[in-house]
Protein backbone atom coordinates (compact mmCIF):
# COMPACT_ATOMS: atom_id res chain seq x y z
CA MET A 1 6.98 21.09 2.91
CA SER A 2 7.43 21.98 -0.76
CA GLU A 3 11.01 23.06 -0.14
CA GLY A 4 13.85 20.66 -0.27
CA TYR A 5 14.46 18.43 2.71
CA HIS A 6 16.86 15.68 3.74
CA ASN A 7 15.41 12.18 3.43
CA PRO A 8 17.40 9.51 5.30
CA LEU A 9 15.72 6.76 3.24
CA LEU A 10 17.58 8.02 0.14
CA LYS A 11 20.96 7.80 1.84
CA GLY A 12 23.10 5.37 -0.03
CA LEU A 13 20.23 4.38 -2.36
CA PRO A 14 21.29 4.06 -6.00
CA LEU A 15 18.98 5.92 -8.37
CA LEU A 16 18.76 5.67 -12.15
CA ASP A 17 21.58 8.18 -12.63
CA ASP A 18 23.85 5.88 -10.66
CA LEU A 19 23.63 3.12 -13.26
CA PRO A 20 26.43 2.71 -15.80
CA ALA A 21 25.86 3.84 -19.38
CA LEU A 22 22.77 1.98 -20.60
CA ASP A 23 23.06 2.26 -24.38
CA GLY A 24 23.08 -1.28 -25.85
CA THR A 25 22.58 -2.99 -22.43
CA SER A 26 19.82 -5.27 -21.22
CA VAL A 27 17.99 -4.10 -18.05
CA LEU A 28 15.76 -6.28 -15.87
CA VAL A 29 13.05 -4.25 -14.15
CA ARG A 30 11.01 -5.55 -11.24
CA VAL A 31 7.60 -4.02 -11.59
CA ASP A 32 4.38 -4.47 -9.67
CA PHE A 33 1.71 -5.38 -12.30
CA ASN A 34 -0.43 -7.24 -9.78
CA VAL A 35 -3.57 -5.74 -11.44
CA PRO A 36 -7.22 -6.79 -11.06
CA LEU A 37 -8.61 -9.05 -13.82
CA ARG A 38 -12.12 -9.98 -14.89
CA PRO A 39 -13.16 -13.19 -16.67
CA CYS A 40 -14.40 -12.81 -20.27
CA ALA A 41 -17.01 -14.85 -22.18
CA ASP A 42 -14.30 -16.64 -24.19
CA GLN A 43 -12.68 -17.94 -20.91
CA THR A 44 -9.85 -15.44 -21.08
CA TYR A 45 -9.21 -12.57 -18.68
CA ALA A 46 -8.98 -8.82 -19.16
CA VAL A 47 -7.31 -6.11 -17.07
CA THR A 48 -9.90 -3.93 -15.31
CA ASP A 49 -7.56 -1.28 -13.89
CA ASP A 50 -4.19 -0.50 -15.50
CA PHE A 51 -3.07 2.06 -12.91
CA ARG A 52 -0.10 0.01 -11.78
CA ILE A 53 1.06 -0.57 -15.37
CA ARG A 54 0.81 3.16 -16.20
CA ALA A 55 2.58 4.02 -12.99
CA ALA A 56 5.71 2.14 -14.24
CA MET A 57 5.80 3.90 -17.60
CA PRO A 58 8.16 6.78 -16.54
CA THR A 59 10.86 4.29 -15.54
CA LEU A 60 10.41 2.06 -18.57
CA ASP A 61 10.37 5.13 -20.90
CA TYR A 62 13.56 6.43 -19.27
CA LEU A 63 15.42 3.22 -19.79
CA LEU A 64 14.25 2.90 -23.39
CA SER A 65 15.29 6.49 -24.08
CA LYS A 66 18.83 5.64 -22.93
CA GLY A 67 19.10 2.91 -25.48
CA ALA A 68 18.50 -0.10 -23.15
CA LYS A 69 16.62 -3.29 -24.01
CA VAL A 70 14.10 -3.60 -21.22
CA THR A 71 12.62 -6.77 -19.71
CA ALA A 72 10.02 -6.45 -17.00
CA CYS A 73 9.15 -9.10 -14.42
CA THR A 74 6.17 -9.17 -11.97
CA HIS A 75 3.93 -11.41 -9.92
CA LEU A 76 0.17 -11.67 -10.30
CA GLY A 77 -2.13 -13.06 -7.67
CA ARG A 78 -1.13 -15.91 -5.36
CA PRO A 79 -0.44 -19.03 -7.38
CA ALA A 80 0.99 -21.87 -5.36
CA GLY A 81 4.49 -21.94 -6.90
CA ALA A 82 3.25 -23.51 -10.17
CA PRO A 83 1.54 -22.32 -13.41
CA ASP A 84 -2.16 -21.45 -12.97
CA ALA A 85 -4.30 -20.26 -15.88
CA ARG A 86 -6.13 -17.80 -13.60
CA PHE A 87 -2.88 -15.88 -13.07
CA ASP A 88 -1.33 -16.08 -16.52
CA LEU A 89 0.16 -12.73 -17.56
CA ALA A 90 -1.30 -12.82 -21.11
CA PRO A 91 -3.82 -9.99 -20.40
CA VAL A 92 -1.13 -7.92 -18.62
CA ARG A 93 1.23 -8.50 -21.50
CA GLU A 94 -1.43 -7.31 -23.94
CA GLU A 95 -1.99 -4.12 -21.94
CA LEU A 96 1.77 -3.50 -21.65
CA ALA A 97 2.20 -3.98 -25.38
CA ARG A 98 -0.29 -1.12 -25.88
CA LEU A 99 1.60 1.21 -23.58
CA ALA A 100 5.23 0.12 -24.06
CA PRO A 101 5.50 -2.17 -27.09
CA LYS A 102 9.29 -2.50 -26.88
CA VAL A 103 9.22 -3.93 -23.34
CA GLU A 104 9.30 -7.71 -22.88
CA LEU A 105 7.42 -9.24 -19.96
CA LEU A 106 8.47 -12.51 -18.29
CA GLU A 107 6.03 -15.09 -16.96
CA ASN A 108 4.44 -14.78 -13.51
CA LEU A 109 7.30 -14.89 -11.00
CA ARG A 110 5.17 -16.78 -8.45
CA PHE A 111 4.79 -19.68 -10.86
CA TYR A 112 8.26 -20.56 -9.61
CA PRO A 113 8.81 -21.72 -6.00
CA GLY A 114 12.27 -20.15 -6.13
CA GLU A 115 10.78 -16.66 -6.11
CA LYS A 116 9.31 -16.74 -2.57
CA GLN A 117 12.13 -18.92 -1.32
CA ASN A 118 14.71 -16.46 -2.57
CA ASP A 119 16.54 -19.31 -4.22
CA PRO A 120 19.97 -18.24 -5.48
CA ALA A 121 19.55 -20.55 -8.48
CA PHE A 122 16.35 -18.74 -9.45
CA VAL A 123 18.12 -15.37 -9.07
CA ASP A 124 20.73 -16.62 -11.46
CA LYS A 125 18.00 -17.61 -13.92
CA LEU A 126 16.30 -14.15 -13.63
CA ILE A 127 19.43 -12.11 -14.25
CA ASN A 128 20.88 -14.29 -16.99
CA GLY A 129 21.63 -12.10 -20.04
CA HIS A 130 21.00 -8.85 -18.19
CA ASP A 131 23.51 -6.10 -17.49
CA ALA A 132 21.61 -4.12 -14.85
CA TYR A 133 18.64 -4.26 -12.55
CA VAL A 134 15.98 -1.69 -11.50
CA ASN A 135 13.48 -2.12 -8.68
CA ASP A 136 10.37 -0.12 -9.46
CA ALA A 137 7.99 -2.27 -7.37
CA PHE A 138 7.48 -0.53 -4.04
CA GLY A 139 4.41 -2.76 -3.37
CA VAL A 140 6.65 -5.83 -2.89
CA SER A 141 9.80 -4.23 -1.54
CA HIS A 142 8.87 -5.45 1.94
CA ARG A 143 9.26 -9.04 0.64
CA ARG A 144 12.57 -10.91 0.76
CA HIS A 145 11.78 -12.52 -2.56
CA ALA A 146 14.31 -13.53 -5.20
CA SER A 147 13.31 -10.84 -7.69
CA VAL A 148 13.48 -8.06 -4.98
CA VAL A 149 16.63 -8.77 -2.99
CA GLY A 150 18.61 -11.11 -5.26
CA PRO A 151 19.66 -9.12 -8.34
CA PRO A 152 21.41 -6.23 -6.44
CA THR A 153 23.91 -8.72 -5.15
CA ARG A 154 24.94 -9.55 -8.71
CA LEU A 155 24.21 -6.57 -10.99
CA PRO A 156 24.51 -2.80 -11.02
CA SER A 157 21.14 -1.79 -9.57
CA ALA A 158 18.93 1.23 -8.96
CA ALA A 159 15.59 2.37 -7.59
CA GLY A 160 13.13 3.23 -10.42
CA LEU A 161 11.31 6.57 -10.62
CA LEU A 162 8.09 5.16 -9.04
CA LEU A 163 10.03 3.60 -6.19
CA GLN A 164 11.91 6.89 -5.68
CA ARG A 165 8.65 8.85 -5.55
CA GLU A 166 7.25 6.47 -2.88
CA ILE A 167 10.39 6.92 -0.77
CA GLU A 168 10.32 10.67 -1.11
CA ALA A 169 6.62 10.87 -0.24
CA LEU A 170 6.60 8.44 2.68
CA GLY A 171 9.90 9.77 3.95
CA LYS A 172 8.11 12.96 4.89
CA LEU A 173 6.09 10.94 7.43
CA LEU A 174 9.26 9.57 8.95
CA GLY A 175 10.96 12.91 9.20
CA THR A 176 9.29 15.93 10.88
CA PRO A 177 5.73 15.98 9.45
CA LYS A 178 3.73 19.15 9.86
CA SER A 179 1.62 19.07 13.02
CA PRO A 180 -0.93 17.94 13.83
CA PHE A 181 -0.18 14.55 12.33
CA VAL A 182 -3.31 12.39 12.13
CA ALA A 183 -3.18 8.68 11.17
CA VAL A 184 -6.40 7.07 10.08
CA VAL A 185 -6.16 3.28 10.18
CA GLY A 186 -8.86 0.74 9.27
CA GLY A 187 -9.25 -2.72 7.78
CA ALA A 188 -10.47 -5.97 9.11
CA LYS A 189 -7.74 -7.52 11.22
CA VAL A 190 -6.19 -5.70 14.13
CA ALA A 191 -3.34 -8.25 14.40
CA ASP A 192 -2.06 -7.13 10.96
CA LYS A 193 -1.67 -3.57 12.08
CA LEU A 194 -0.80 -3.59 15.76
CA GLY A 195 2.87 -3.21 15.04
CA VAL A 196 2.48 -0.13 12.91
CA LEU A 197 -0.11 1.32 15.35
CA LYS A 198 2.46 1.08 18.12
CA ALA A 199 5.04 2.72 15.92
CA LEU A 200 2.65 5.45 14.84
CA LEU A 201 1.67 6.37 18.39
CA HIS A 202 5.18 7.71 18.86
CA ARG A 203 4.83 9.98 15.79
CA VAL A 204 1.21 11.09 15.53
CA ASP A 205 -0.85 13.64 17.44
CA ALA A 206 -4.04 11.54 16.94
CA LEU A 207 -4.82 8.04 15.87
CA VAL A 208 -8.23 7.44 14.22
CA VAL A 209 -9.44 3.83 14.28
CA GLY A 210 -12.11 2.31 12.02
CA GLY A 211 -13.00 -0.92 10.16
CA GLY A 212 -13.34 -4.31 11.68
CA MET A 213 -10.30 -3.74 13.81
CA ALA A 214 -12.16 -0.98 15.75
CA PHE A 215 -14.28 -3.64 17.51
CA THR A 216 -11.26 -5.19 19.26
CA PHE A 217 -10.47 -1.67 20.54
CA LEU A 218 -14.10 -1.13 21.63
CA ALA A 219 -14.06 -4.40 23.45
CA ALA A 220 -10.81 -3.41 25.16
CA ALA A 221 -12.55 -0.16 26.21
CA GLY A 222 -15.37 -2.21 27.82
CA HIS A 223 -18.07 -1.89 25.18
CA ASP A 224 -20.43 -4.63 24.07
CA VAL A 225 -19.66 -5.41 20.39
CA GLY A 226 -22.46 -7.93 19.65
CA GLY A 227 -21.50 -10.36 16.92
CA SER A 228 -18.82 -8.07 15.45
CA MET A 229 -15.34 -9.33 14.55
CA VAL A 230 -13.06 -9.29 17.65
CA ASP A 231 -9.61 -10.69 18.08
CA GLU A 232 -9.82 -11.81 21.71
CA GLU A 233 -6.06 -12.41 21.97
CA ARG A 234 -5.34 -8.80 21.02
CA ILE A 235 -7.64 -7.13 23.55
CA PRO A 236 -4.86 -6.63 26.15
CA GLU A 237 -2.56 -5.00 23.55
CA CYS A 238 -5.37 -2.72 22.42
CA ALA A 239 -6.11 -1.81 25.99
CA GLU A 240 -2.44 -0.95 26.55
CA LEU A 241 -2.57 1.39 23.52
CA LEU A 242 -5.73 3.08 24.86
CA ALA A 243 -4.03 3.60 28.17
CA SER A 244 -0.99 5.24 26.50
CA GLY A 245 -2.35 8.79 27.04
CA LYS A 246 -2.33 9.44 23.28
CA GLU A 247 -5.44 10.71 21.49
CA ILE A 248 -7.14 7.66 19.99
CA LEU A 249 -10.53 8.17 18.34
CA LEU A 250 -12.97 5.25 18.32
CA PRO A 251 -16.46 4.97 16.82
CA THR A 252 -19.26 6.44 18.92
CA ASP A 253 -21.98 5.13 16.60
CA ILE A 254 -22.04 2.00 14.39
CA VAL A 255 -23.91 0.86 11.33
CA ALA A 256 -24.80 -2.78 12.13
CA LEU A 257 -26.54 -5.73 10.50
CA GLU A 258 -29.06 -7.96 12.28
CA PRO A 259 -27.99 -11.40 13.58
CA GLY A 260 -27.66 -14.15 10.98
CA ALA A 261 -27.80 -11.86 7.91
CA THR A 262 -24.99 -11.82 5.32
CA PHE A 263 -23.11 -9.01 3.69
CA GLY A 264 -20.95 -8.40 0.64
CA CYS A 265 -21.09 -7.03 -2.91
CA ASP A 266 -24.44 -8.51 -3.86
CA CYS A 267 -26.18 -8.91 -0.49
CA ARG A 268 -29.19 -6.91 0.44
CA GLU A 269 -30.73 -9.14 3.14
CA GLY A 270 -31.23 -8.28 6.75
CA GLU A 271 -32.15 -5.22 8.72
CA VAL A 272 -29.50 -2.48 9.04
CA ARG A 273 -29.53 -0.06 11.96
CA THR A 274 -27.38 2.80 13.18
CA LEU A 275 -26.65 2.11 16.82
CA GLY A 276 -24.41 3.51 19.55
CA ASP A 277 -21.00 2.20 20.60
CA ASP A 278 -22.67 -0.78 22.43
CA LEU A 279 -24.37 -3.34 20.19
CA PRO A 280 -27.09 -5.87 21.06
CA ALA A 281 -26.17 -9.56 21.01
CA GLY A 282 -25.53 -10.94 17.57
CA TRP A 283 -25.59 -7.61 15.66
CA GLN A 284 -22.56 -7.19 13.44
CA GLY A 285 -20.92 -3.76 13.25
CA LEU A 286 -19.89 -3.21 9.61
CA ASP A 287 -19.32 0.51 9.29
CA ILE A 288 -18.81 3.63 11.35
CA GLY A 289 -21.97 5.70 11.85
CA PRO A 290 -22.70 9.28 10.74
CA ALA A 291 -21.75 10.95 14.00
CA THR A 292 -18.40 9.17 13.93
CA VAL A 293 -17.84 10.14 10.31
CA GLU A 294 -18.46 13.77 11.24
CA ALA A 295 -16.06 13.60 14.20
CA TYR A 296 -13.36 11.81 12.19
CA ALA A 297 -13.76 14.22 9.29
CA ALA A 298 -13.38 17.28 11.53
CA ARG A 299 -10.17 15.90 13.01
CA ILE A 300 -8.79 15.00 9.59
CA ARG A 301 -9.66 18.38 8.01
CA SER A 302 -7.76 20.23 10.77
CA ALA A 303 -4.57 18.15 10.31
CA GLY A 304 -1.25 19.35 8.96
CA THR A 305 -0.36 15.83 7.85
CA VAL A 306 -2.65 12.86 7.24
CA LEU A 307 -1.95 9.20 6.64
CA TRP A 308 -4.89 6.97 5.72
CA ASN A 309 -4.63 3.20 5.38
CA GLY A 310 -7.63 0.86 5.49
CA PRO A 311 -11.44 1.22 4.91
CA MET A 312 -13.81 2.25 7.65
CA GLY A 313 -16.31 -0.48 6.87
CA VAL A 314 -17.28 -3.17 4.34
CA PHE A 315 -16.89 -0.75 1.46
CA GLU A 316 -17.89 -3.22 -1.23
CA ASP A 317 -21.33 -3.40 0.18
CA ALA A 318 -23.12 -0.10 -0.50
CA ARG A 319 -24.95 -0.28 2.84
CA PHE A 320 -21.65 -0.07 4.70
CA SER A 321 -19.69 2.26 2.41
CA ALA A 322 -20.58 5.67 3.83
CA GLY A 323 -17.88 5.72 6.46
CA THR A 324 -15.10 5.04 4.02
CA ALA A 325 -16.48 7.61 1.57
CA GLY A 326 -16.81 10.22 4.32
CA VAL A 327 -13.22 9.76 5.44
CA ALA A 328 -11.97 9.80 1.83
CA ARG A 329 -13.71 13.18 1.22
CA ALA A 330 -12.26 14.57 4.47
CA VAL A 331 -8.74 13.53 3.44
CA ALA A 332 -9.24 15.16 0.04
CA GLU A 333 -10.51 18.38 1.73
CA CYS A 334 -7.59 18.55 4.18
CA PRO A 335 -5.28 21.44 3.20
CA GLY A 336 -2.24 19.70 4.70
CA TYR A 337 0.02 16.95 3.35
CA THR A 338 -2.08 13.87 2.72
CA VAL A 339 -0.96 10.30 2.01
CA VAL A 340 -3.24 7.34 1.16
CA GLY A 341 -1.48 4.04 1.81
CA GLY A 342 -2.63 1.99 -1.18
CA GLY A 343 -5.03 -1.03 -1.06
CA ASP A 344 -8.70 -0.55 -0.46
CA SER A 345 -8.16 3.10 0.60
CA ALA A 346 -6.63 3.91 -2.75
CA ALA A 347 -9.50 2.03 -4.56
CA ALA A 348 -12.05 4.07 -2.60
CA VAL A 349 -10.31 7.41 -3.55
CA ASP A 350 -10.23 6.28 -7.22
CA GLU A 351 -13.91 5.21 -7.16
CA LEU A 352 -14.93 8.58 -5.73
CA GLY A 353 -12.82 10.51 -8.28
CA LEU A 354 -10.70 12.16 -5.55
CA GLU A 355 -7.25 11.05 -6.61
CA HIS A 356 -6.17 14.49 -7.79
CA GLU A 357 -7.09 15.98 -4.37
CA ILE A 358 -4.61 13.80 -2.46
CA SER A 359 -0.97 14.70 -2.11
CA PHE A 360 0.26 11.17 -2.63
CA ILE A 361 -1.38 7.75 -3.23
CA SER A 362 0.98 4.89 -2.56
CA THR A 363 1.02 1.79 -4.74
CA GLY A 364 1.78 -0.48 -1.77
CA GLY A 365 -0.54 -0.76 1.29
CA GLY A 366 1.45 -3.41 3.13
CA ALA A 367 4.84 -1.93 2.15
CA SER A 368 3.90 1.57 3.20
CA LEU A 369 2.87 0.32 6.66
CA GLU A 370 6.07 -1.79 7.10
CA LEU A 371 8.15 1.18 6.04
CA LEU A 372 6.49 3.32 8.70
CA GLU A 373 6.86 0.58 11.31
CA TYR A 374 10.47 -0.41 10.71
CA GLY A 375 11.88 2.65 8.95
CA ASP A 376 13.22 0.63 6.03
CA LEU A 377 12.43 -2.27 3.67
CA PRO A 378 14.42 -5.33 2.52
CA GLY A 379 14.20 -4.15 -1.10
CA LEU A 380 15.70 -0.78 -0.22
CA ALA A 381 18.45 -2.39 1.85
CA ALA A 382 19.31 -4.67 -0.99
CA LEU A 383 19.73 -1.75 -3.38
CA ARG A 384 21.99 0.04 -0.98
CA GLY A 385 24.17 -3.07 -0.98
CA ALA A 386 24.70 -3.01 -4.71
CA ALA A 387 28.24 -2.44 -5.96
CA ASN A 388 27.28 0.79 -7.70
CA ALA A 389 25.45 2.30 -4.70
CA PRO A 390 26.66 5.81 -3.82
CA SER A 391 28.73 6.58 -0.75
CA THR A 392 26.67 6.82 2.42
CA GLY A 393 28.76 9.80 3.61
CA GLY A 394 26.03 12.23 2.63
CA THR A 395 22.26 12.47 2.52
CA ARG A 396 20.39 13.01 -0.70
CA ARG A 397 18.15 16.04 -0.95
CA THR A 398 14.70 15.83 -2.47
CA SER A 399 12.15 18.49 -3.50
CA THR A 400 8.90 16.53 -3.98
CA SER A 401 6.00 19.01 -3.67
CA GLU A 402 2.92 18.48 -1.58
CA ARG A 403 0.48 18.17 -4.47
């Protein structure tokens, strides 16, 4: 897939070259600097991982090189539409000043209720004094927020280089991916991913299920899941997927914690056992077992295309991290085209030092899943509606390589 291919997601999407001349203009750039912070002894906060800031540098550097004055805007955390010291952008601003000192950063967008409400008055406030807009925040492009869908209705607009890379990489999964196509989906809540699972079943050759959501599938298959997390309301839908005739791999052994014990980053209490796919009463399944890891890894390594989104267990607790680590290594060892869909999966890949062995690591877990489920995102649709968007008569060609 290293040769050029037609990507329907790029059709009609304005890119940086579609902007008017930038010299002397002011450009507003929506970035995703929702980075992790740690509290410091002096009651301030510090950025612990600047990956998302560094990921935006190519776009910011491009705009600066064209003579534009650049202002970035982002959200951080989940403040309730009002200023909150825990989510102040001061530490992010400090990190950005080190990497791109000429770029100004506005205050946290989610300090303003108009952001999530897509308030036209807030859009007007955001774009005031700017001549163009660039969306380089794939991770929020599934949100109909003011900073995502508002500016393209008023200003010449374009997708940034990071957003373009996301579209090129994920577009391969929507086109004709190399077979066999294996999707590995984990995480805690099955309700959050049923939509994308249904969409993926029409595209993939095999669906590999892990994480807390696997126990609703196991319950649907008639297994006893002890005290594991189960979404009772979703059991019929999981049963329907299992009856689809598609290859769906479920855990055959489970790493479980005894009844009443707790788990998490600093927990070490309670007996941990590796059990089969039926658990005794009260035992909590918190990771896939070694036999399951081996089976999943074998299916992943033989794939032509792999998508992985979601951990296989409670990765932050070392007792239940082996499943996620095993899947991460298998994805890295797969010779095919491999995509990690952001979030905890990307964090695991980074922690294990495998990021250079993956074809593409997305910056947006939720956005990547919604793109695969619906085939488009509100942020992309908004850009296509900008006055400077190219004609939709043709389809852009891209040549992103596998690795």
